Structures are given as C-alpha cells and as structure tokens.
Amino acid sequence: MADEPSAEGGSRSYADQVVVSVRIADAAPIDEQVLEVVEIESHGAAWHRDWLVAEIEAIPNADDKEGFPAPYTIEVQENRHEWGASAAVLAITSFIGGAVAGGVIGNGAYDSLKLVGRKMADRLRISGLVPVPPMNEGDALERSQALLAARFGEPVEGLKLVSVEVRPPHAASVTYRGSRDRVYDCDLNIEDGLVIFSRVRRRQE
C-alpha cells in the first residue's frame, strides 16, 4: 500500500483516526447547499496524510460527461493529542459541485470511497484489530441522527423516523423526514466490521 511509513515521512505525517467526508453541493461549498454526503471513518493503524488526500482528490478530478473535472474544494484538519497516549486525528472534507460533476456524484463518489475504505480495512484486519460488534437498530439510529445533525444541521429532536432496516451484521438503512419537507435516506455499512461507511442523500418532497 502507498501509505506505508517511509524514512522521509516522520510521525507528524500520520494519523491513527481518520474521517473523510465528501459532500456534493448545488453550487457553493457550504452546508446549506449540500445534497449528499459520503463518509468513511477509521480507527487504528497509521494513515499517511498525503496518501489520503491524493485518494480524495482523484474523485472530483475524474472527467465528467463534458470532459472536464468537477469543481471542488478540499479542507484538511489535523489534531494531535500528547496527553498520556499519543494520538492524531485527521479530518478531510471535500465539497464537489453537483451541477457539473455528472460523472462523479452519487454512486461514483461512494464507489471511490469504498475502494479507499477497503484498502484501509485490509490493513486493519492484517494488523489484528478486533471488529466492532454487530450493528443493531439503536446503533443505526444514533449514527444516522448524528450525521444529519453534523452535516445537514437537522436538530435530532425535529427528525421524524420514516423507516429503519437493519441487515446483520454490519449494515442498515434509515429514512427520516426533517425540516422544510426534506427527506433523508441514510445508508450505513461497516466493512469487515472495521471501517465505517455512511451515505446520506437529501431530497425534497
């Protein structure tokens, strides 16, 4: 894998907790315009920042049907903790212009992140990390509600549950009705019980 430690890297280039969020927007890269969020989260191992950023940049840089890359922004935030056990948390957020990115939005972004996540799950499995317990309905509701609050600004108390389906051991689908007649379809999956995938699509009724 391209994210293996190197002599030049140094510990400051690596993170052991990673959250990657790809947000597909109407136009401007602001949360109010977001139509869809695809996200992966991983704990454990040492993930190289440059490798992760290059993988995420490849998604909007794929040519759309007009032959042009999609407009996008990428934000990288890193936090380090040196209090007792050392830890580094890396958050990468990419906004992609949905109106132009006809060839990469939706399924394309999800498939691209799934490939990244599978590479990460392979390494975590080899390293002996213990998978998380099977997902239950409470887990699915808690995670999907947290995503809607964090990524779409929907207060949890204002959400109306429309449907929930848990597919053991590590997958679930949840649908909510939120504010302003917005409906949110949430798909959750944990690859090998190790890397969390989330996809939320917002539609108007």
C-alpha atoms as a PDB file:
ATOM      1  CA  MET A   1       0.000   0.000   0.000  1.00  0.00           C
ATOM      2  CA  ALA A   2       1.116   3.528  -0.754  1.00  0.00           C
ATOM      3  CA  ASP A   3       0.527   4.682   2.819  1.00  0.00           C
ATOM      4  CA  GLU A   4       3.259   2.604   4.415  1.00  0.00           C
ATOM      5  CA  PRO A   5       5.661   4.623   6.617  1.00  0.00           C
ATOM      6  CA  SER A   6       8.759   5.946   4.901  1.00  0.00           C
ATOM      7  CA  ALA A   7      12.045   7.371   6.067  1.00  0.00           C
ATOM      8  CA  GLU A   8      11.026  10.844   4.947  1.00  0.00           C
ATOM      9  CA  GLY A   9       7.546  10.728   6.451  1.00  0.00           C
ATOM     10  CA  GLY A  10       8.058  11.105  10.163  1.00  0.00           C
ATOM     11  CA  SER A  11       5.301  10.600  12.726  1.00  0.00           C
ATOM     12  CA  ARG A  12       3.790  14.032  12.040  1.00  0.00           C
ATOM     13  CA  SER A  13       2.597  12.832   8.614  1.00  0.00           C
ATOM     14  CA  TYR A  14       0.447  10.048  10.046  1.00  0.00           C
ATOM     15  CA  ALA A  15      -2.903   9.790  11.814  1.00  0.00           C
ATOM     16  CA  ASP A  16      -4.478   6.842  13.636  1.00  0.00           C
ATOM     17  CA  GLN A  17      -8.044   8.142  13.436  1.00  0.00           C
ATOM     18  CA  VAL A  18      -9.424   9.373  10.101  1.00  0.00           C
ATOM     19  CA  VAL A  19     -12.754  10.844   8.994  1.00  0.00           C
ATOM     20  CA  VAL A  20     -13.166  11.523   5.255  1.00  0.00           C
ATOM     21  CA  SER A  21     -16.279  13.395   4.172  1.00  0.00           C
ATOM     22  CA  VAL A  22     -17.249  14.025   0.529  1.00  0.00           C
ATOM     23  CA  ARG A  23     -20.135  16.487   0.246  1.00  0.00           C
ATOM     24  CA  ILE A  24     -21.961  17.039  -3.036  1.00  0.00           C
ATOM     25  CA  ALA A  25     -23.417  20.531  -3.257  1.00  0.00           C
ATOM     26  CA  ASP A  26     -25.738  22.514  -5.521  1.00  0.00           C
ATOM     27  CA  ALA A  27     -23.201  25.259  -6.102  1.00  0.00           C
ATOM     28  CA  ALA A  28     -21.318  26.899  -3.248  1.00  0.00           C
ATOM     29  CA  PRO A  29     -19.254  24.749  -0.846  1.00  0.00           C
ATOM     30  CA  ILE A  30     -21.470  25.451   2.171  1.00  0.00           C
ATOM     31  CA  ASP A  31     -23.520  23.048   4.260  1.00  0.00           C
ATOM     32  CA  GLU A  32     -26.847  24.637   3.318  1.00  0.00           C
ATOM     33  CA  GLN A  33     -26.312  23.623  -0.323  1.00  0.00           C
ATOM     34  CA  VAL A  34     -25.321  20.009   0.369  1.00  0.00           C
ATOM     35  CA  LEU A  35     -27.433  17.354  -1.379  1.00  0.00           C
ATOM     36  CA  GLU A  36     -25.450  14.274  -0.445  1.00  0.00           C
ATOM     37  CA  VAL A  37     -22.719  13.220   1.966  1.00  0.00           C
ATOM     38  CA  VAL A  38     -20.499  10.148   1.603  1.00  0.00           C
ATOM     39  CA  GLU A  39     -18.224   9.481   4.559  1.00  0.00           C
ATOM     40  CA  ILE A  40     -15.752   6.930   5.887  1.00  0.00           C
ATOM     41  CA  GLU A  41     -14.290   6.661   9.370  1.00  0.00           C
ATOM     42  CA  SER A  42     -11.417   4.504  10.555  1.00  0.00           C
ATOM     43  CA  HIS A  43      -9.602   3.967  13.839  1.00  0.00           C
ATOM     44  CA  GLY A  44      -6.278   2.208  14.227  1.00  0.00           C
ATOM     45  CA  ALA A  45      -3.091   1.854  12.140  1.00  0.00           C
ATOM     46  CA  ALA A  46      -1.067   4.788  10.802  1.00  0.00           C
ATOM     47  CA  TRP A  47      -2.631   6.505   7.811  1.00  0.00           C
ATOM     48  CA  HIS A  48      -0.423   8.757   5.713  1.00  0.00           C
ATOM     49  CA  ARG A  49      -1.945  12.197   5.191  1.00  0.00           C
ATOM     50  CA  ASP A  50      -0.585  12.648   1.646  1.00  0.00           C
ATOM     51  CA  TRP A  51      -1.906   9.245   0.536  1.00  0.00           C
ATOM     52  CA  LEU A  52      -5.383  10.015   1.849  1.00  0.00           C
ATOM     53  CA  VAL A  53      -5.529  13.482   0.274  1.00  0.00           C
ATOM     54  CA  ALA A  54      -4.392  12.095  -3.099  1.00  0.00           C
ATOM     55  CA  GLU A  55      -7.132   9.428  -2.973  1.00  0.00           C
ATOM     56  CA  ILE A  56      -9.814  12.056  -2.252  1.00  0.00           C
ATOM     57  CA  GLU A  57      -8.529  14.467  -4.915  1.00  0.00           C
ATOM     58  CA  ALA A  58      -8.917  11.702  -7.507  1.00  0.00           C
ATOM     59  CA  ILE A  59     -12.717  11.676  -7.060  1.00  0.00           C
ATOM     60  CA  PRO A  60     -13.615  15.148  -8.408  1.00  0.00           C
ATOM     61  CA  ASN A  61     -10.693  15.066 -10.846  1.00  0.00           C
ATOM     62  CA  ALA A  62     -12.333  12.262 -12.815  1.00  0.00           C
ATOM     63  CA  ASP A  63     -13.703  13.742 -16.056  1.00  0.00           C
ATOM     64  CA  ASP A  64     -17.459  14.225 -16.251  1.00  0.00           C
ATOM     65  CA  LYS A  65     -19.552  13.686 -19.377  1.00  0.00           C
ATOM     66  CA  GLU A  66     -18.419  17.082 -20.722  1.00  0.00           C
ATOM     67  CA  GLY A  67     -14.778  16.072 -20.393  1.00  0.00           C
ATOM     68  CA  PHE A  68     -13.953  18.455 -17.530  1.00  0.00           C
ATOM     69  CA  PRO A  69     -13.123  17.757 -13.891  1.00  0.00           C
ATOM     70  CA  ALA A  70     -15.715  18.826 -11.348  1.00  0.00           C
ATOM     71  CA  PRO A  71     -15.169  21.994  -9.299  1.00  0.00           C
ATOM     72  CA  TYR A  72     -14.177  21.096  -5.766  1.00  0.00           C
ATOM     73  CA  THR A  73     -12.537  22.231  -2.559  1.00  0.00           C
ATOM     74  CA  ILE A  74     -10.604  20.119  -0.057  1.00  0.00           C
ATOM     75  CA  GLU A  75     -10.114  21.032   3.588  1.00  0.00           C
ATOM     76  CA  VAL A  76      -7.712  19.138   5.850  1.00  0.00           C
ATOM     77  CA  GLN A  77      -7.772  19.464   9.635  1.00  0.00           C
ATOM     78  CA  GLU A  78      -5.399  17.660  11.963  1.00  0.00           C
ATOM     79  CA  ASN A  79      -5.464  17.417  15.753  1.00  0.00           C
ATOM     80  CA  ARG A  80      -2.758  15.806  17.876  1.00  0.00           C
ATOM     81  CA  HIS A  81      -3.010  14.673  21.469  1.00  0.00           C
ATOM     82  CA  GLU A  82       0.134  14.198  23.542  1.00  0.00           C
ATOM     83  CA  TRP A  83      -1.539  13.651  26.904  1.00  0.00           C
ATOM     84  CA  GLY A  84      -0.668  10.175  28.070  1.00  0.00           C
ATOM     85  CA  ALA A  85      -1.008   8.029  24.958  1.00  0.00           C
ATOM     86  CA  SER A  86      -0.266   9.938  21.749  1.00  0.00           C
ATOM     87  CA  ALA A  87      -2.972  10.138  19.102  1.00  0.00           C
ATOM     88  CA  ALA A  88      -3.575  12.004  15.852  1.00  0.00           C
ATOM     89  CA  VAL A  89      -6.976  12.692  14.295  1.00  0.00           C
ATOM     90  CA  LEU A  90      -7.246  13.686  10.633  1.00  0.00           C
ATOM     91  CA  ALA A  91     -10.433  15.104   9.075  1.00  0.00           C
ATOM     92  CA  ILE A  92     -10.557  15.556   5.294  1.00  0.00           C
ATOM     93  CA  THR A  93     -13.589  17.283   3.771  1.00  0.00           C
ATOM     94  CA  SER A  94     -14.179  17.659   0.042  1.00  0.00           C
ATOM     95  CA  PHE A  95     -17.034  19.687  -1.486  1.00  0.00           C
ATOM     96  CA  ILE A  96     -17.895  18.711  -5.076  1.00  0.00           C
ATOM     97  CA  GLY A  97     -20.084  20.817  -7.370  1.00  0.00           C
ATOM     98  CA  GLY A  98     -23.003  18.507  -8.150  1.00  0.00           C
ATOM     99  CA  ALA A  99     -24.413  20.569 -11.028  1.00  0.00           C
ATOM    100  CA  VAL A 100     -21.251  19.990 -13.089  1.00  0.00           C
ATOM    101  CA  ALA A 101     -19.901  16.717 -11.708  1.00  0.00           C
ATOM    102  CA  GLY A 102     -22.327  14.473 -13.590  1.00  0.00           C
ATOM    103  CA  GLY A 103     -19.864  11.595 -13.817  1.00  0.00           C
ATOM    104  CA  VAL A 104     -18.652  11.500 -10.223  1.00  0.00           C
ATOM    105  CA  ILE A 105     -21.539  12.369  -7.916  1.00  0.00           C
ATOM    106  CA  GLY A 106     -23.568   9.846  -6.003  1.00  0.00           C
ATOM    107  CA  ASN A 107     -22.606   6.289  -6.839  1.00  0.00           C
ATOM    108  CA  GLY A 108     -19.235   7.328  -8.274  1.00  0.00           C
ATOM    109  CA  ALA A 109     -18.129   9.096  -5.090  1.00  0.00           C
ATOM    110  CA  TYR A 110     -19.462   6.248  -2.955  1.00  0.00           C
ATOM    111  CA  ASP A 111     -17.659   3.588  -5.013  1.00  0.00           C
ATOM    112  CA  SER A 112     -14.406   5.572  -4.892  1.00  0.00           C
ATOM    113  CA  LEU A 113     -14.541   5.925  -1.125  1.00  0.00           C
ATOM    114  CA  LYS A 114     -15.471   2.256  -0.757  1.00  0.00           C
ATOM    115  CA  LEU A 115     -12.255   1.357  -2.567  1.00  0.00           C
ATOM    116  CA  VAL A 116     -10.218   3.547  -0.187  1.00  0.00           C
ATOM    117  CA  GLY A 117     -12.025   2.068   2.783  1.00  0.00           C
ATOM    118  CA  ARG A 118     -11.433  -1.496   1.658  1.00  0.00           C
ATOM    119  CA  LYS A 119      -7.703  -0.825   1.440  1.00  0.00           C
ATOM    120  CA  MET A 120      -7.845   0.526   4.988  1.00  0.00           C
ATOM    121  CA  ALA A 121      -9.926  -2.437   6.215  1.00  0.00           C
ATOM    122  CA  ASP A 122      -7.426  -4.868   4.671  1.00  0.00           C
ATOM    123  CA  ARG A 123      -4.605  -3.297   6.609  1.00  0.00           C
ATOM    124  CA  LEU A 124      -6.581  -3.146   9.859  1.00  0.00           C
ATOM    125  CA  ARG A 125      -7.538  -6.812   9.504  1.00  0.00           C
ATOM    126  CA  ILE A 126      -3.904  -7.833   8.924  1.00  0.00           C
ATOM    127  CA  SER A 127      -2.834  -5.789  11.960  1.00  0.00           C
ATOM    128  CA  GLY A 128      -5.211  -7.846  14.111  1.00  0.00           C
ATOM    129  CA  LEU A 129      -7.669  -5.085  15.043  1.00  0.00           C
ATOM    130  CA  VAL A 130     -10.808  -6.602  16.582  1.00  0.00           C
ATOM    131  CA  PRO A 131     -14.009  -5.850  14.577  1.00  0.00           C
ATOM    132  CA  VAL A 132     -16.800  -3.869  16.215  1.00  0.00           C
ATOM    133  CA  PRO A 133     -19.896  -5.747  17.445  1.00  0.00           C
ATOM    134  CA  PRO A 134     -22.808  -6.272  15.020  1.00  0.00           C
ATOM    135  CA  MET A 135     -24.863  -3.150  14.305  1.00  0.00           C
ATOM    136  CA  ASN A 136     -28.287  -3.030  15.946  1.00  0.00           C
ATOM    137  CA  GLU A 137     -31.209  -0.665  15.434  1.00  0.00           C
ATOM    138  CA  GLY A 138     -30.081   1.629  18.254  1.00  0.00           C
ATOM    139  CA  ASP A 139     -26.618   1.961  16.698  1.00  0.00           C
ATOM    140  CA  ALA A 140     -28.119   2.758  13.284  1.00  0.00           C
ATOM    141  CA  LEU A 141     -30.434   5.425  14.684  1.00  0.00           C
ATOM    142  CA  GLU A 142     -27.707   7.030  16.798  1.00  0.00           C
ATOM    143  CA  ARG A 143     -25.186   7.234  13.960  1.00  0.00           C
ATOM    144  CA  SER A 144     -27.647   8.429  11.314  1.00  0.00           C
ATOM    145  CA  GLN A 145     -29.063  11.123  13.593  1.00  0.00           C
ATOM    146  CA  ALA A 146     -25.564  12.338  14.457  1.00  0.00           C
ATOM    147  CA  LEU A 147     -24.748  12.598  10.743  1.00  0.00           C
ATOM    148  CA  LEU A 148     -27.877  14.624   9.996  1.00  0.00           C
ATOM    149  CA  ALA A 149     -27.133  16.990  12.862  1.00  0.00           C
ATOM    150  CA  ALA A 150     -23.455  17.422  11.955  1.00  0.00           C
ATOM    151  CA  ARG A 151     -23.648  17.502   8.142  1.00  0.00           C
ATOM    152  CA  PHE A 152     -27.094  18.951   7.428  1.00  0.00           C
ATOM    153  CA  GLY A 153     -27.865  20.978  10.565  1.00  0.00           C
ATOM    154  CA  GLU A 154     -31.018  18.983  11.362  1.00  0.00           C
ATOM    155  CA  PRO A 155     -31.803  19.002  15.122  1.00  0.00           C
ATOM    156  CA  VAL A 156     -32.307  15.444  16.337  1.00  0.00           C
ATOM    157  CA  GLU A 157     -35.493  16.331  18.188  1.00  0.00           C
ATOM    158  CA  GLY A 158     -37.062  17.595  14.948  1.00  0.00           C
ATOM    159  CA  LEU A 159     -36.472  14.387  12.961  1.00  0.00           C
ATOM    160  CA  LYS A 160     -39.379  12.030  12.245  1.00  0.00           C
ATOM    161  CA  LEU A 161     -38.412   8.419  11.663  1.00  0.00           C
ATOM    162  CA  VAL A 162     -39.975   7.072   8.464  1.00  0.00           C
ATOM    163  CA  SER A 163     -38.325   3.643   8.245  1.00  0.00           C
ATOM    164  CA  VAL A 164     -35.385   1.627   9.555  1.00  0.00           C
ATOM    165  CA  GLU A 165     -33.951  -1.657   8.279  1.00  0.00           C
ATOM    166  CA  VAL A 166     -31.001  -3.455   9.852  1.00  0.00           C
ATOM    167  CA  ARG A 167     -29.151  -6.036   7.748  1.00  0.00           C
ATOM    168  CA  PRO A 168     -26.920  -8.061  10.085  1.00  0.00           C
ATOM    169  CA  PRO A 169     -24.166  -7.971  10.901  1.00  0.00           C
ATOM    170  CA  HIS A 170     -22.983  -4.522   9.781  1.00  0.00           C
ATOM    171  CA  ALA A 171     -25.442  -2.704   7.515  1.00  0.00           C
ATOM    172  CA  ALA A 172     -28.571  -0.597   7.922  1.00  0.00           C
ATOM    173  CA  SER A 173     -30.806   1.852   6.062  1.00  0.00           C
ATOM    174  CA  VAL A 174     -32.729   4.632   7.820  1.00  0.00           C
ATOM    175  CA  THR A 175     -35.065   7.277   6.392  1.00  0.00           C
ATOM    176  CA  TYR A 176     -36.147  10.452   8.189  1.00  0.00           C
ATOM    177  CA  ARG A 177     -38.351  13.420   7.477  1.00  0.00           C
ATOM    178  CA  GLY A 178     -36.707  16.657   8.584  1.00  0.00           C
ATOM    179  CA  SER A 179     -37.409  20.367   8.380  1.00  0.00           C
ATOM    180  CA  ARG A 180     -38.886  22.117   5.327  1.00  0.00           C
ATOM    181  CA  ASP A 181     -40.295  18.877   3.862  1.00  0.00           C
ATOM    182  CA  ARG A 182     -36.825  17.419   3.415  1.00  0.00           C
ATOM    183  CA  VAL A 183     -36.370  13.648   3.417  1.00  0.00           C
ATOM    184  CA  TYR A 184     -33.048  11.994   4.282  1.00  0.00           C
ATOM    185  CA  ASP A 185     -32.097   8.490   3.136  1.00  0.00           C
ATOM    186  CA  CYS A 186     -29.194   7.118   5.192  1.00  0.00           C
ATOM    187  CA  ASP A 187     -27.188   4.004   4.301  1.00  0.00           C
ATOM    188  CA  LEU A 188     -24.695   2.668   6.830  1.00  0.00           C
ATOM    189  CA  ASN A 189     -22.163  -0.122   6.384  1.00  0.00           C
ATOM    190  CA  ILE A 190     -19.078  -1.290   8.293  1.00  0.00           C
ATOM    191  CA  GLU A 191     -16.548  -3.003   6.015  1.00  0.00           C
ATOM    192  CA  ASP A 192     -15.305  -6.174   7.734  1.00  0.00           C
ATOM    193  CA  GLY A 193     -16.521  -4.613  10.976  1.00  0.00           C
ATOM    194  CA  LEU A 194     -13.567  -2.209  10.768  1.00  0.00           C
ATOM    195  CA  VAL A 195     -14.208   0.851   8.549  1.00  0.00           C
ATOM    196  CA  ILE A 196     -17.493   2.749   8.777  1.00  0.00           C
ATOM    197  CA  PHE A 197     -19.208   3.886   5.570  1.00  0.00           C
ATOM    198  CA  SER A 198     -22.089   6.353   5.653  1.00  0.00           C
ATOM    199  CA  ARG A 199     -24.107   7.801   2.794  1.00  0.00           C
ATOM    200  CA  VAL A 200     -26.891  10.353   3.250  1.00  0.00           C
ATOM    201  CA  ARG A 201     -28.999  11.690   0.374  1.00  0.00           C
ATOM    202  CA  ARG A 202     -31.315  14.660   0.851  1.00  0.00           C
ATOM    203  CA  ARG A 203     -34.426  15.024  -1.290  1.00  0.00           C
ATOM    204  CA  GLN A 204     -37.398  17.352  -1.312  1.00  0.00           C
ATOM    205  CA  GLU A 205     -40.992  16.195  -1.026  1.00  0.00           C
END
